[in-house]
Amino acid sequence: MRRRCLMMETFLCFESEGAFFLIPLKLVRHIVQGNAGQEKTITFNGCEAEIYSVGASWGDNREREYAVLLEVEDGLPALLADRVAGVFEVPDDRIFELPEDVTGEKNDFLTQAVYLDSSGCWAFVMDIERFLNKERN
């Protein structure tokens, strides 16, 4: 019998709206102070970041403590977060696909889920490209 070689994926985990979200670490450019007590913009290395919040799609536009700057081709997007929970290496057999009827059209950027043993909770894997496209349109 042949053993399957497990692949590991590395994610940054952040909390927003009391839920945990995972984004591939390779997409993280930098973590900076969020928009709490500041203007509605964030500047990094002289560039103004486009601010996005997972909670905004649910009607919550509160200020956040942290901003996760993303490495994408077009622009400098920043995901706002209440807390950065750390970096997690996850074996691919622990990443579960979410059924479409669970996410629906509103949350279709949440593609997978991972149970984080160390935190005792589920975290949702974000499809960053899908999220940004949805928010920009």
C-alpha atoms as a PDB file:
ATOM      1  CA  MET A   1       0.000   0.000   0.000  1.00  0.00           C
ATOM      2  CA  ARG A   2       1.300   3.426  -0.943  1.00  0.00           C
ATOM      3  CA  ARG A   3       1.271   6.217   1.629  1.00  0.00           C
ATOM      4  CA  ARG A   4       0.054   9.575   0.498  1.00  0.00           C
ATOM      5  CA  CYS A   5       2.511  12.390   1.072  1.00  0.00           C
ATOM      6  CA  LEU A   6       0.779  15.199   2.948  1.00  0.00           C
ATOM      7  CA  MET A   7       1.323  18.695   1.686  1.00  0.00           C
ATOM      8  CA  MET A   8       1.413  21.529   4.190  1.00  0.00           C
ATOM      9  CA  GLU A   9      -0.161  24.909   3.572  1.00  0.00           C
ATOM     10  CA  THR A  10       0.869  27.948   5.587  1.00  0.00           C
ATOM     11  CA  PHE A  11      -1.755  30.512   6.557  1.00  0.00           C
ATOM     12  CA  LEU A  12      -1.996  33.746   8.499  1.00  0.00           C
ATOM     13  CA  CYS A  13      -4.952  33.564  10.866  1.00  0.00           C
ATOM     14  CA  PHE A  14      -6.822  36.697  11.900  1.00  0.00           C
ATOM     15  CA  GLU A  15      -9.984  37.406  13.826  1.00  0.00           C
ATOM     16  CA  SER A  16     -12.748  39.723  12.691  1.00  0.00           C
ATOM     17  CA  GLU A  17     -16.318  39.869  13.929  1.00  0.00           C
ATOM     18  CA  GLY A  18     -15.608  37.051  16.397  1.00  0.00           C
ATOM     19  CA  ALA A  19     -14.755  34.638  13.574  1.00  0.00           C
ATOM     20  CA  PHE A  20     -11.357  33.368  12.451  1.00  0.00           C
ATOM     21  CA  PHE A  21     -10.146  33.637   8.864  1.00  0.00           C
ATOM     22  CA  LEU A  22      -7.144  32.162   7.073  1.00  0.00           C
ATOM     23  CA  ILE A  23      -5.285  33.650   4.143  1.00  0.00           C
ATOM     24  CA  PRO A  24      -2.289  32.047   2.457  1.00  0.00           C
ATOM     25  CA  LEU A  25       0.853  33.450   4.056  1.00  0.00           C
ATOM     26  CA  LYS A  26       2.418  33.954   0.629  1.00  0.00           C
ATOM     27  CA  LEU A  27      -0.177  36.712   0.011  1.00  0.00           C
ATOM     28  CA  VAL A  28       0.727  38.675   3.161  1.00  0.00           C
ATOM     29  CA  ARG A  29       2.935  41.673   2.506  1.00  0.00           C
ATOM     30  CA  HIS A  30       2.948  43.280   5.957  1.00  0.00           C
ATOM     31  CA  ILE A  31       0.857  43.735   9.101  1.00  0.00           C
ATOM     32  CA  VAL A  32       0.361  47.308  10.278  1.00  0.00           C
ATOM     33  CA  GLN A  33      -1.748  49.300  12.703  1.00  0.00           C
ATOM     34  CA  GLY A  34      -5.344  49.369  11.531  1.00  0.00           C
ATOM     35  CA  ASN A  35      -7.706  52.280  11.309  1.00  0.00           C
ATOM     36  CA  ALA A  36      -8.655  52.439  15.019  1.00  0.00           C
ATOM     37  CA  GLY A  37      -8.686  56.078  16.099  1.00  0.00           C
ATOM     38  CA  GLN A  38      -7.296  57.267  12.768  1.00  0.00           C
ATOM     39  CA  GLU A  39      -8.414  58.463   9.396  1.00  0.00           C
ATOM     40  CA  LYS A  40     -10.247  56.018   7.188  1.00  0.00           C
ATOM     41  CA  THR A  41      -7.081  55.349   5.189  1.00  0.00           C
ATOM     42  CA  ILE A  42      -3.854  53.503   5.882  1.00  0.00           C
ATOM     43  CA  THR A  43      -0.534  54.536   4.354  1.00  0.00           C
ATOM     44  CA  PHE A  44       2.353  52.106   3.884  1.00  0.00           C
ATOM     45  CA  ASN A  45       5.703  53.150   2.381  1.00  0.00           C
ATOM     46  CA  GLY A  46       4.097  56.259   0.915  1.00  0.00           C
ATOM     47  CA  CYS A  47       1.234  54.340  -0.731  1.00  0.00           C
ATOM     48  CA  GLU A  48      -2.372  54.553   0.350  1.00  0.00           C
ATOM     49  CA  ALA A  49      -3.938  51.153   1.000  1.00  0.00           C
ATOM     50  CA  GLU A  50      -7.420  50.194  -0.124  1.00  0.00           C
ATOM     51  CA  ILE A  51      -9.244  49.186   3.076  1.00  0.00           C
ATOM     52  CA  TYR A  52     -11.481  46.113   3.145  1.00  0.00           C
ATOM     53  CA  SER A  53     -13.285  44.423   6.004  1.00  0.00           C
ATOM     54  CA  VAL A  54     -14.928  41.025   6.121  1.00  0.00           C
ATOM     55  CA  GLY A  55     -17.485  42.543   8.501  1.00  0.00           C
ATOM     56  CA  ALA A  56     -18.455  45.230   5.993  1.00  0.00           C
ATOM     57  CA  SER A  57     -20.229  42.624   3.891  1.00  0.00           C
ATOM     58  CA  TRP A  58     -22.372  41.929   6.965  1.00  0.00           C
ATOM     59  CA  GLY A  59     -23.027  45.618   7.617  1.00  0.00           C
ATOM     60  CA  ASP A  60     -20.347  46.228  10.267  1.00  0.00           C
ATOM     61  CA  ASN A  61     -17.964  49.097   9.536  1.00  0.00           C
ATOM     62  CA  ARG A  62     -16.230  49.395  12.914  1.00  0.00           C
ATOM     63  CA  GLU A  63     -12.629  50.431  13.130  1.00  0.00           C
ATOM     64  CA  ARG A  64     -10.105  47.632  13.571  1.00  0.00           C
ATOM     65  CA  GLU A  65      -6.845  47.309  15.458  1.00  0.00           C
ATOM     66  CA  TYR A  66      -4.789  45.741  12.646  1.00  0.00           C
ATOM     67  CA  ALA A  67      -4.529  45.774   8.872  1.00  0.00           C
ATOM     68  CA  VAL A  68      -3.075  42.910   6.859  1.00  0.00           C
ATOM     69  CA  LEU A  69      -1.551  44.306   3.677  1.00  0.00           C
ATOM     70  CA  LEU A  70      -1.807  41.888   0.793  1.00  0.00           C
ATOM     71  CA  GLU A  71       0.624  41.106  -1.998  1.00  0.00           C
ATOM     72  CA  VAL A  72      -1.498  41.301  -5.151  1.00  0.00           C
ATOM     73  CA  GLU A  73      -0.849  42.635  -8.635  1.00  0.00           C
ATOM     74  CA  ASP A  74      -3.332  45.488  -8.684  1.00  0.00           C
ATOM     75  CA  GLY A  75      -3.250  47.988  -5.833  1.00  0.00           C
ATOM     76  CA  LEU A  76      -2.455  47.669  -2.161  1.00  0.00           C
ATOM     77  CA  PRO A  77      -5.429  46.063  -0.411  1.00  0.00           C
ATOM     78  CA  ALA A  78      -5.577  45.910   3.379  1.00  0.00           C
ATOM     79  CA  LEU A  79      -7.829  43.509   5.283  1.00  0.00           C
ATOM     80  CA  LEU A  80      -8.859  44.915   8.649  1.00  0.00           C
ATOM     81  CA  ALA A  81      -8.628  42.619  11.670  1.00  0.00           C
ATOM     82  CA  ASP A  82      -9.483  42.772  15.360  1.00  0.00           C
ATOM     83  CA  ARG A  83      -6.612  40.436  16.182  1.00  0.00           C
ATOM     84  CA  VAL A  84      -3.858  38.545  14.396  1.00  0.00           C
ATOM     85  CA  ALA A  85      -3.889  35.027  15.811  1.00  0.00           C
ATOM     86  CA  GLY A  86      -0.677  33.771  14.233  1.00  0.00           C
ATOM     87  CA  VAL A  87       0.743  31.620  11.479  1.00  0.00           C
ATOM     88  CA  PHE A  88      -0.478  28.048  11.088  1.00  0.00           C
ATOM     89  CA  GLU A  89       0.876  25.181   9.006  1.00  0.00           C
ATOM     90  CA  VAL A  90      -2.011  22.948   8.030  1.00  0.00           C
ATOM     91  CA  PRO A  91      -1.800  19.531   6.366  1.00  0.00           C
ATOM     92  CA  ASP A  92      -3.960  19.480   3.244  1.00  0.00           C
ATOM     93  CA  ASP A  93      -6.055  16.599   4.609  1.00  0.00           C
ATOM     94  CA  ARG A  94      -7.255  18.926   7.431  1.00  0.00           C
ATOM     95  CA  ILE A  95      -8.651  21.502   4.983  1.00  0.00           C
ATOM     96  CA  PHE A  96     -12.328  20.871   4.295  1.00  0.00           C
ATOM     97  CA  GLU A  97     -14.322  22.219   1.352  1.00  0.00           C
ATOM     98  CA  LEU A  98     -17.415  24.200   2.319  1.00  0.00           C
ATOM     99  CA  PRO A  99     -20.606  23.267   0.481  1.00  0.00           C
ATOM    100  CA  GLU A 100     -22.042  26.059  -1.654  1.00  0.00           C
ATOM    101  CA  ASP A 101     -25.321  26.018   0.266  1.00  0.00           C
ATOM    102  CA  VAL A 102     -23.382  26.877   3.451  1.00  0.00           C
ATOM    103  CA  THR A 103     -21.624  29.933   2.090  1.00  0.00           C
ATOM    104  CA  GLY A 104     -24.283  31.153  -0.315  1.00  0.00           C
ATOM    105  CA  GLU A 105     -23.742  34.039  -2.703  1.00  0.00           C
ATOM    106  CA  LYS A 106     -22.916  36.572   0.017  1.00  0.00           C
ATOM    107  CA  ASN A 107     -20.043  34.548   1.490  1.00  0.00           C
ATOM    108  CA  ASP A 108     -18.865  32.698  -1.610  1.00  0.00           C
ATOM    109  CA  PHE A 109     -15.297  33.889  -0.901  1.00  0.00           C
ATOM    110  CA  LEU A 110     -15.197  31.492   2.075  1.00  0.00           C
ATOM    111  CA  THR A 111     -14.166  28.347   0.261  1.00  0.00           C
ATOM    112  CA  GLN A 112     -12.801  26.011   2.916  1.00  0.00           C
ATOM    113  CA  ALA A 113     -12.576  25.533   6.664  1.00  0.00           C
ATOM    114  CA  VAL A 114      -9.907  24.253   9.033  1.00  0.00           C
ATOM    115  CA  TYR A 115     -10.345  23.149  12.631  1.00  0.00           C
ATOM    116  CA  LEU A 116      -7.554  24.773  14.643  1.00  0.00           C
ATOM    117  CA  ASP A 117      -6.793  22.327  17.445  1.00  0.00           C
ATOM    118  CA  SER A 118      -4.625  24.828  19.319  1.00  0.00           C
ATOM    119  CA  SER A 119      -7.451  27.393  19.404  1.00  0.00           C
ATOM    120  CA  GLY A 120     -10.337  24.934  19.631  1.00  0.00           C
ATOM    121  CA  CYS A 121     -12.284  26.605  16.825  1.00  0.00           C
ATOM    122  CA  TRP A 122     -12.954  26.612  13.105  1.00  0.00           C
ATOM    123  CA  ALA A 123     -11.288  29.104  10.780  1.00  0.00           C
ATOM    124  CA  PHE A 124     -12.508  29.933   7.291  1.00  0.00           C
ATOM    125  CA  VAL A 125     -10.112  29.992   4.339  1.00  0.00           C
ATOM    126  CA  MET A 126     -10.667  33.080   2.215  1.00  0.00           C
ATOM    127  CA  ASP A 127     -10.365  33.154  -1.554  1.00  0.00           C
ATOM    128  CA  ILE A 128      -8.715  36.595  -1.610  1.00  0.00           C
ATOM    129  CA  GLU A 129      -9.176  37.200  -5.331  1.00  0.00           C
ATOM    130  CA  ARG A 130     -12.895  36.402  -5.134  1.00  0.00           C
ATOM    131  CA  PHE A 131     -13.287  38.578  -2.004  1.00  0.00           C
ATOM    132  CA  LEU A 132     -11.535  41.590  -3.560  1.00  0.00           C
ATOM    133  CA  ASN A 133     -13.452  41.270  -6.827  1.00  0.00           C
ATOM    134  CA  LYS A 134     -16.732  41.133  -4.938  1.00  0.00           C
ATOM    135  CA  GLU A 135     -15.861  44.145  -2.772  1.00  0.00           C
ATOM    136  CA  ARG A 136     -14.576  46.232  -5.686  1.00  0.00           C
ATOM    137  CA  ASN A 137     -17.743  45.710  -7.750  1.00  0.00           C
END
